[in-house]
Amino acid sequence: MIIKREREIDFTNKKLVALTFDDGPNLTITPLILDKLETHGAIATFFLNGKYINDKTKEIMERQLKLGCELANHSWNHLDMKTLNKDEIKREVQKTNEIIYDKVGIEPAFFRPPYISVNDEMYDVIELPFINGINCNDWEPNFTAKERTEIILKKIKDGDIVLLHDFEGNDNTVNALDDIIEGLVEEEYNFVTVSQLFKYKNIDPNIKKKLWSNVNIIK
């Protein structure tokens, strides 16, 4: 369990990175991502779409939590929420929070806007901190596993949030994950959830109209 991991490791002055995955849960790619994480002893934060949460994917969510991973909110329908009114924005987030809590008893602490599309109405209505991340265009099928790995390892900095996807059919990210994790380990990075990243860097994520990609960059 993650509580034991936290007690065993002193993250003071360590390089930290938070792997994150969007657009699950599902019964195909998400389990393969979890297999990779478990093999390497790594953890991640999964930003879930509420419409994919059901009794079948509940088992995937339970496995995520058992491995020490974190569950967060990625809206219900994955719409461009800048096109929605305030009531619609609120429903997208609340429904997802509610079904996550209903299935596994977890209240999400973070929100990632679909398409990283934001406006003032979203910031006004959504009370959770907004999370972005460095990416490797892994939603584009023409980016190979090798290219995805090279981009992440070239970009990475201490305190980064890495934005990846576990949507169905995204095999190239599954195939890249061994090399991404091993490359980060070689660079002496430690894997934490998004919550732990803020905690260990002693940063309060609740900054108004802030879209986080690296916890060391406050402005």
C-alpha atoms as a PDB file:
ATOM      1  CA  MET A   1       0.000   0.000   0.000  1.00  0.00           C
ATOM      2  CA  ILE A   2       1.093   3.566  -0.661  1.00  0.00           C
ATOM      3  CA  ILE A   3       1.095   4.477   3.038  1.00  0.00           C
ATOM      4  CA  LYS A   4       3.918   2.002   3.602  1.00  0.00           C
ATOM      5  CA  ARG A   5       5.795   3.385   0.589  1.00  0.00           C
ATOM      6  CA  GLU A   6       5.615   6.925   1.962  1.00  0.00           C
ATOM      7  CA  ARG A   7       7.003   5.827   5.317  1.00  0.00           C
ATOM      8  CA  GLU A   8       9.876   3.915   3.765  1.00  0.00           C
ATOM      9  CA  ILE A   9      11.116   6.635   1.408  1.00  0.00           C
ATOM     10  CA  ASP A  10      12.442  10.058   2.372  1.00  0.00           C
ATOM     11  CA  PHE A  11      11.717  12.353  -0.584  1.00  0.00           C
ATOM     12  CA  THR A  12      13.609  15.318   0.883  1.00  0.00           C
ATOM     13  CA  ASN A  13      15.788  16.898  -1.837  1.00  0.00           C
ATOM     14  CA  LYS A  14      14.824  14.093  -4.245  1.00  0.00           C
ATOM     15  CA  LYS A  15      13.832  14.600  -7.869  1.00  0.00           C
ATOM     16  CA  LEU A  16      10.112  13.900  -8.189  1.00  0.00           C
ATOM     17  CA  VAL A  17       7.804  13.281 -11.135  1.00  0.00           C
ATOM     18  CA  ALA A  18       4.084  12.520 -11.321  1.00  0.00           C
ATOM     19  CA  LEU A  19       2.979  10.286 -14.173  1.00  0.00           C
ATOM     20  CA  THR A  20      -0.649  10.882 -15.142  1.00  0.00           C
ATOM     21  CA  PHE A  21      -3.039   9.168 -17.535  1.00  0.00           C
ATOM     22  CA  ASP A  22      -6.235  10.575 -19.071  1.00  0.00           C
ATOM     23  CA  ASP A  23      -9.438   9.204 -20.562  1.00  0.00           C
ATOM     24  CA  GLY A  24      -9.954   5.912 -18.725  1.00  0.00           C
ATOM     25  CA  PRO A  25     -10.917   3.699 -17.125  1.00  0.00           C
ATOM     26  CA  ASN A  26     -11.316   0.867 -19.609  1.00  0.00           C
ATOM     27  CA  LEU A  27     -10.833  -2.894 -19.722  1.00  0.00           C
ATOM     28  CA  THR A  28      -8.119  -2.957 -22.407  1.00  0.00           C
ATOM     29  CA  ILE A  29      -5.379  -0.327 -22.143  1.00  0.00           C
ATOM     30  CA  THR A  30      -5.768   0.702 -18.496  1.00  0.00           C
ATOM     31  CA  PRO A  31      -4.915  -2.789 -17.169  1.00  0.00           C
ATOM     32  CA  LEU A  32      -1.818  -2.899 -19.403  1.00  0.00           C
ATOM     33  CA  ILE A  33      -0.685   0.462 -18.006  1.00  0.00           C
ATOM     34  CA  LEU A  34      -1.199  -0.872 -14.494  1.00  0.00           C
ATOM     35  CA  ASP A  35       0.824  -3.977 -15.343  1.00  0.00           C
ATOM     36  CA  LYS A  36       3.735  -1.757 -16.393  1.00  0.00           C
ATOM     37  CA  LEU A  37       3.495   0.392 -13.283  1.00  0.00           C
ATOM     38  CA  GLU A  38       3.330  -2.653 -11.028  1.00  0.00           C
ATOM     39  CA  THR A  39       6.330  -4.279 -12.732  1.00  0.00           C
ATOM     40  CA  HIS A  40       8.448  -1.192 -12.112  1.00  0.00           C
ATOM     41  CA  GLY A  41       7.083  -0.353  -8.673  1.00  0.00           C
ATOM     42  CA  ALA A  42       5.828   2.991  -9.994  1.00  0.00           C
ATOM     43  CA  ILE A  43       2.598   4.841  -9.259  1.00  0.00           C
ATOM     44  CA  ALA A  44       0.524   7.382 -11.189  1.00  0.00           C
ATOM     45  CA  THR A  45      -2.550   9.581 -11.099  1.00  0.00           C
ATOM     46  CA  PHE A  46      -5.447   8.652 -13.383  1.00  0.00           C
ATOM     47  CA  PHE A  47      -7.780  11.403 -14.600  1.00  0.00           C
ATOM     48  CA  LEU A  48     -11.080   9.620 -15.217  1.00  0.00           C
ATOM     49  CA  ASN A  49     -13.999  10.331 -17.517  1.00  0.00           C
ATOM     50  CA  GLY A  50     -17.187   9.672 -15.592  1.00  0.00           C
ATOM     51  CA  LYS A  51     -19.023   8.124 -18.540  1.00  0.00           C
ATOM     52  CA  TYR A  52     -16.608   5.182 -18.525  1.00  0.00           C
ATOM     53  CA  ILE A  53     -17.094   4.343 -14.868  1.00  0.00           C
ATOM     54  CA  ASN A  54     -19.374   1.348 -14.265  1.00  0.00           C
ATOM     55  CA  ASP A  55     -19.467  -1.927 -12.367  1.00  0.00           C
ATOM     56  CA  LYS A  56     -16.938  -3.500 -14.742  1.00  0.00           C
ATOM     57  CA  THR A  57     -14.394  -0.688 -14.637  1.00  0.00           C
ATOM     58  CA  LYS A  58     -14.862  -0.426 -10.874  1.00  0.00           C
ATOM     59  CA  GLU A  59     -12.491  -3.391 -10.546  1.00  0.00           C
ATOM     60  CA  ILE A  60      -9.867  -1.473 -12.522  1.00  0.00           C
ATOM     61  CA  MET A  61     -10.281   1.509 -10.202  1.00  0.00           C
ATOM     62  CA  GLU A  62      -9.925  -0.715  -7.162  1.00  0.00           C
ATOM     63  CA  ARG A  63      -6.692  -2.095  -8.595  1.00  0.00           C
ATOM     64  CA  GLN A  64      -5.420   1.435  -9.232  1.00  0.00           C
ATOM     65  CA  LEU A  65      -5.973   2.311  -5.604  1.00  0.00           C
ATOM     66  CA  LYS A  66      -4.408  -0.924  -4.332  1.00  0.00           C
ATOM     67  CA  LEU A  67      -1.253  -0.111  -6.285  1.00  0.00           C
ATOM     68  CA  GLY A  68      -1.061   3.283  -4.585  1.00  0.00           C
ATOM     69  CA  CYS A  69      -2.311   5.288  -7.544  1.00  0.00           C
ATOM     70  CA  GLU A  70      -4.553   8.342  -7.316  1.00  0.00           C
ATOM     71  CA  LEU A  71      -7.908   8.971  -9.027  1.00  0.00           C
ATOM     72  CA  ALA A  72      -8.802  12.436 -10.308  1.00  0.00           C
ATOM     73  CA  ASN A  73     -11.485  14.159 -12.393  1.00  0.00           C
ATOM     74  CA  HIS A  74     -11.372  14.607 -16.192  1.00  0.00           C
ATOM     75  CA  SER A  75     -15.071  15.541 -16.629  1.00  0.00           C
ATOM     76  CA  TRP A  76     -17.971  13.296 -17.594  1.00  0.00           C
ATOM     77  CA  ASN A  77     -18.171  13.550 -21.376  1.00  0.00           C
ATOM     78  CA  HIS A  78     -14.753  14.957 -22.347  1.00  0.00           C
ATOM     79  CA  LEU A  79     -16.271  17.987 -24.058  1.00  0.00           C
ATOM     80  CA  ASP A  80     -14.623  21.328 -24.735  1.00  0.00           C
ATOM     81  CA  MET A  81     -15.997  22.858 -21.576  1.00  0.00           C
ATOM     82  CA  LYS A  82     -15.452  26.411 -22.802  1.00  0.00           C
ATOM     83  CA  THR A  83     -18.559  25.807 -24.925  1.00  0.00           C
ATOM     84  CA  LEU A  84     -20.717  24.989 -21.883  1.00  0.00           C
ATOM     85  CA  ASN A  85     -22.636  27.257 -19.534  1.00  0.00           C
ATOM     86  CA  LYS A  86     -21.933  27.318 -15.811  1.00  0.00           C
ATOM     87  CA  ASP A  87     -24.608  24.768 -14.912  1.00  0.00           C
ATOM     88  CA  GLU A  88     -23.338  22.361 -17.563  1.00  0.00           C
ATOM     89  CA  ILE A  89     -19.748  22.798 -16.396  1.00  0.00           C
ATOM     90  CA  LYS A  90     -20.781  22.096 -12.830  1.00  0.00           C
ATOM     91  CA  ARG A  91     -22.670  18.934 -13.833  1.00  0.00           C
ATOM     92  CA  GLU A  92     -19.699  17.582 -15.798  1.00  0.00           C
ATOM     93  CA  VAL A  93     -17.510  17.762 -12.716  1.00  0.00           C
ATOM     94  CA  GLN A  94     -20.044  16.893 -10.029  1.00  0.00           C
ATOM     95  CA  LYS A  95     -21.349  13.787 -11.808  1.00  0.00           C
ATOM     96  CA  THR A  96     -17.811  12.482 -12.204  1.00  0.00           C
ATOM     97  CA  ASN A  97     -16.924  13.207  -8.590  1.00  0.00           C
ATOM     98  CA  GLU A  98     -20.094  11.475  -7.450  1.00  0.00           C
ATOM     99  CA  ILE A  99     -19.632   8.289  -9.463  1.00  0.00           C
ATOM    100  CA  ILE A 100     -15.984   7.962  -8.406  1.00  0.00           C
ATOM    101  CA  TYR A 101     -17.066   8.288  -4.794  1.00  0.00           C
ATOM    102  CA  ASP A 102     -19.976   5.885  -5.312  1.00  0.00           C
ATOM    103  CA  LYS A 103     -17.765   3.164  -6.791  1.00  0.00           C
ATOM    104  CA  VAL A 104     -14.613   3.402  -4.643  1.00  0.00           C
ATOM    105  CA  GLY A 105     -15.245   5.983  -1.914  1.00  0.00           C
ATOM    106  CA  ILE A 106     -12.667   8.472  -3.187  1.00  0.00           C
ATOM    107  CA  GLU A 107     -13.198  12.228  -3.529  1.00  0.00           C
ATOM    108  CA  PRO A 108     -10.991  13.548  -6.352  1.00  0.00           C
ATOM    109  CA  ALA A 109      -8.584  16.313  -5.368  1.00  0.00           C
ATOM    110  CA  PHE A 110      -7.712  17.547  -8.868  1.00  0.00           C
ATOM    111  CA  PHE A 111      -9.311  18.350 -12.222  1.00  0.00           C
ATOM    112  CA  ARG A 112      -7.803  18.186 -15.696  1.00  0.00           C
ATOM    113  CA  PRO A 113      -9.808  20.087 -18.324  1.00  0.00           C
ATOM    114  CA  PRO A 114     -10.464  18.181 -21.552  1.00  0.00           C
ATOM    115  CA  TYR A 115      -8.205  19.424 -24.350  1.00  0.00           C
ATOM    116  CA  ILE A 116      -6.599  21.683 -21.691  1.00  0.00           C
ATOM    117  CA  SER A 117      -9.310  24.147 -22.726  1.00  0.00           C
ATOM    118  CA  VAL A 118     -10.153  26.628 -19.954  1.00  0.00           C
ATOM    119  CA  ASN A 119     -11.905  29.934 -19.394  1.00  0.00           C
ATOM    120  CA  ASP A 120     -12.896  32.150 -16.469  1.00  0.00           C
ATOM    121  CA  GLU A 121     -16.294  30.474 -16.070  1.00  0.00           C
ATOM    122  CA  MET A 122     -14.602  27.122 -15.530  1.00  0.00           C
ATOM    123  CA  TYR A 123     -12.258  28.579 -12.933  1.00  0.00           C
ATOM    124  CA  ASP A 124     -15.231  30.207 -11.198  1.00  0.00           C
ATOM    125  CA  VAL A 125     -17.375  27.057 -11.083  1.00  0.00           C
ATOM    126  CA  ILE A 126     -14.817  24.271 -10.545  1.00  0.00           C
ATOM    127  CA  GLU A 127     -13.332  24.301  -7.057  1.00  0.00           C
ATOM    128  CA  LEU A 128     -10.571  21.749  -7.694  1.00  0.00           C
ATOM    129  CA  PRO A 129      -7.019  22.752  -8.725  1.00  0.00           C
ATOM    130  CA  PHE A 130      -6.500  22.545 -12.503  1.00  0.00           C
ATOM    131  CA  ILE A 131      -3.767  20.186 -13.737  1.00  0.00           C
ATOM    132  CA  ASN A 132      -2.022  20.234 -17.109  1.00  0.00           C
ATOM    133  CA  GLY A 133       1.368  18.538 -17.681  1.00  0.00           C
ATOM    134  CA  ILE A 134       4.220  18.076 -20.118  1.00  0.00           C
ATOM    135  CA  ASN A 135       3.225  15.828 -23.008  1.00  0.00           C
ATOM    136  CA  CYS A 136       4.576  13.811 -25.914  1.00  0.00           C
ATOM    137  CA  ASN A 137       1.544  14.065 -28.232  1.00  0.00           C
ATOM    138  CA  ASP A 138       0.652  10.520 -27.248  1.00  0.00           C
ATOM    139  CA  TRP A 139      -2.933  11.047 -28.393  1.00  0.00           C
ATOM    140  CA  GLU A 140      -1.570  11.135 -31.958  1.00  0.00           C
ATOM    141  CA  PRO A 141      -1.360   7.588 -33.373  1.00  0.00           C
ATOM    142  CA  ASN A 142       1.508   8.484 -35.735  1.00  0.00           C
ATOM    143  CA  PHE A 143       3.853   9.206 -32.801  1.00  0.00           C
ATOM    144  CA  THR A 144       5.795   5.998 -32.201  1.00  0.00           C
ATOM    145  CA  ALA A 145       6.599   4.534 -28.802  1.00  0.00           C
ATOM    146  CA  LYS A 146      10.235   5.546 -29.295  1.00  0.00           C
ATOM    147  CA  GLU A 147       9.292   9.139 -30.160  1.00  0.00           C
ATOM    148  CA  ARG A 148       7.044   9.387 -27.119  1.00  0.00           C
ATOM    149  CA  THR A 149       9.840   8.160 -24.880  1.00  0.00           C
ATOM    150  CA  GLU A 150      12.426  10.518 -26.351  1.00  0.00           C
ATOM    151  CA  ILE A 151      10.174  13.564 -26.025  1.00  0.00           C
ATOM    152  CA  ILE A 152       9.381  12.929 -22.353  1.00  0.00           C
ATOM    153  CA  LEU A 153      12.966  12.185 -21.365  1.00  0.00           C
ATOM    154  CA  LYS A 154      14.180  15.306 -23.171  1.00  0.00           C
ATOM    155  CA  LYS A 155      11.582  17.584 -21.550  1.00  0.00           C
ATOM    156  CA  ILE A 156      11.538  16.228 -18.003  1.00  0.00           C
ATOM    157  CA  LYS A 157      12.397  18.441 -15.010  1.00  0.00           C
ATOM    158  CA  ASP A 158      12.108  18.009 -11.259  1.00  0.00           C
ATOM    159  CA  GLY A 159       8.527  18.634 -10.161  1.00  0.00           C
ATOM    160  CA  ASP A 160       6.975  17.868 -13.549  1.00  0.00           C
ATOM    161  CA  ILE A 161       3.559  16.350 -14.151  1.00  0.00           C
ATOM    162  CA  VAL A 162       3.675  14.053 -17.192  1.00  0.00           C
ATOM    163  CA  LEU A 163       0.492  13.940 -19.284  1.00  0.00           C
ATOM    164  CA  LEU A 164      -0.169  10.579 -20.960  1.00  0.00           C
ATOM    165  CA  HIS A 165      -3.318   8.729 -22.059  1.00  0.00           C
ATOM    166  CA  ASP A 166      -4.779   5.303 -21.364  1.00  0.00           C
ATOM    167  CA  PHE A 167      -7.668   5.494 -23.842  1.00  0.00           C
ATOM    168  CA  GLU A 168      -8.593   2.367 -25.777  1.00  0.00           C
ATOM    169  CA  GLY A 169      -6.255   1.624 -28.670  1.00  0.00           C
ATOM    170  CA  ASN A 170      -3.345   3.674 -27.319  1.00  0.00           C
ATOM    171  CA  ASP A 171      -0.881   0.789 -27.539  1.00  0.00           C
ATOM    172  CA  ASN A 172       2.093   3.012 -28.349  1.00  0.00           C
ATOM    173  CA  THR A 173       1.973   4.569 -24.898  1.00  0.00           C
ATOM    174  CA  VAL A 174       1.813   1.112 -23.323  1.00  0.00           C
ATOM    175  CA  ASN A 175       4.838   0.108 -25.412  1.00  0.00           C
ATOM    176  CA  ALA A 176       6.703   3.293 -24.468  1.00  0.00           C
ATOM    177  CA  LEU A 177       6.123   3.021 -20.745  1.00  0.00           C
ATOM    178  CA  ASP A 178       8.950   0.604 -19.897  1.00  0.00           C
ATOM    179  CA  ASP A 179      11.521   2.895 -21.505  1.00  0.00           C
ATOM    180  CA  ILE A 180       9.958   6.045 -20.056  1.00  0.00           C
ATOM    181  CA  ILE A 181      10.031   4.659 -16.519  1.00  0.00           C
ATOM    182  CA  GLU A 182      13.486   3.120 -16.862  1.00  0.00           C
ATOM    183  CA  GLY A 183      14.821   6.361 -18.350  1.00  0.00           C
ATOM    184  CA  LEU A 184      13.427   8.385 -15.472  1.00  0.00           C
ATOM    185  CA  VAL A 185      14.869   5.960 -12.941  1.00  0.00           C
ATOM    186  CA  GLU A 186      18.288   6.303 -14.587  1.00  0.00           C
ATOM    187  CA  GLU A 187      17.952  10.068 -14.114  1.00  0.00           C
ATOM    188  CA  GLU A 188      17.172   9.416 -10.420  1.00  0.00           C
ATOM    189  CA  TYR A 189      13.527  10.471 -10.519  1.00  0.00           C
ATOM    190  CA  ASN A 190      11.069   9.166  -7.928  1.00  0.00           C
ATOM    191  CA  PHE A 191       7.453   8.466  -8.853  1.00  0.00           C
ATOM    192  CA  VAL A 192       4.678  10.080  -6.818  1.00  0.00           C
ATOM    193  CA  THR A 193       1.017  10.923  -7.286  1.00  0.00           C
ATOM    194  CA  VAL A 194      -0.042  14.489  -8.033  1.00  0.00           C
ATOM    195  CA  SER A 195      -1.172  14.922  -4.415  1.00  0.00           C
ATOM    196  CA  GLN A 196       2.174  13.674  -3.147  1.00  0.00           C
ATOM    197  CA  LEU A 197       4.046  15.928  -5.569  1.00  0.00           C
ATOM    198  CA  PHE A 198       2.469  19.023  -4.038  1.00  0.00           C
ATOM    199  CA  LYS A 199       2.872  17.619  -0.534  1.00  0.00           C
ATOM    200  CA  TYR A 200       6.567  16.761  -0.791  1.00  0.00           C
ATOM    201  CA  LYS A 201       7.404  20.017  -2.581  1.00  0.00           C
ATOM    202  CA  ASN A 202       5.451  21.884   0.116  1.00  0.00           C
ATOM    203  CA  ILE A 203       3.284  23.701  -2.418  1.00  0.00           C
ATOM    204  CA  ASP A 204      -0.394  24.611  -2.012  1.00  0.00           C
ATOM    205  CA  PRO A 205      -2.128  23.783  -5.330  1.00  0.00           C
ATOM    206  CA  ASN A 206      -5.103  26.037  -4.562  1.00  0.00           C
ATOM    207  CA  ILE A 207      -3.997  29.053  -6.575  1.00  0.00           C
ATOM    208  CA  LYS A 208      -6.749  30.867  -8.464  1.00  0.00           C
ATOM    209  CA  LYS A 209      -6.654  30.543 -12.250  1.00  0.00           C
ATOM    210  CA  LYS A 210      -3.507  28.418 -12.180  1.00  0.00           C
ATOM    211  CA  LEU A 211      -2.986  25.511 -14.595  1.00  0.00           C
ATOM    212  CA  TRP A 212      -0.227  23.324 -13.160  1.00  0.00           C
ATOM    213  CA  SER A 213       2.400  21.474 -15.189  1.00  0.00           C
ATOM    214  CA  ASN A 214       5.294  21.766 -12.744  1.00  0.00           C
ATOM    215  CA  VAL A 215       4.909  22.392  -9.018  1.00  0.00           C
ATOM    216  CA  ASN A 216       8.157  24.362  -8.848  1.00  0.00           C
ATOM    217  CA  ILE A 217       6.745  27.010 -11.219  1.00  0.00           C
ATOM    218  CA  ILE A 218       4.277  29.047  -9.180  1.00  0.00           C
ATOM    219  CA  LYS A 219       3.597  31.994 -11.503  1.00  0.00           C
END
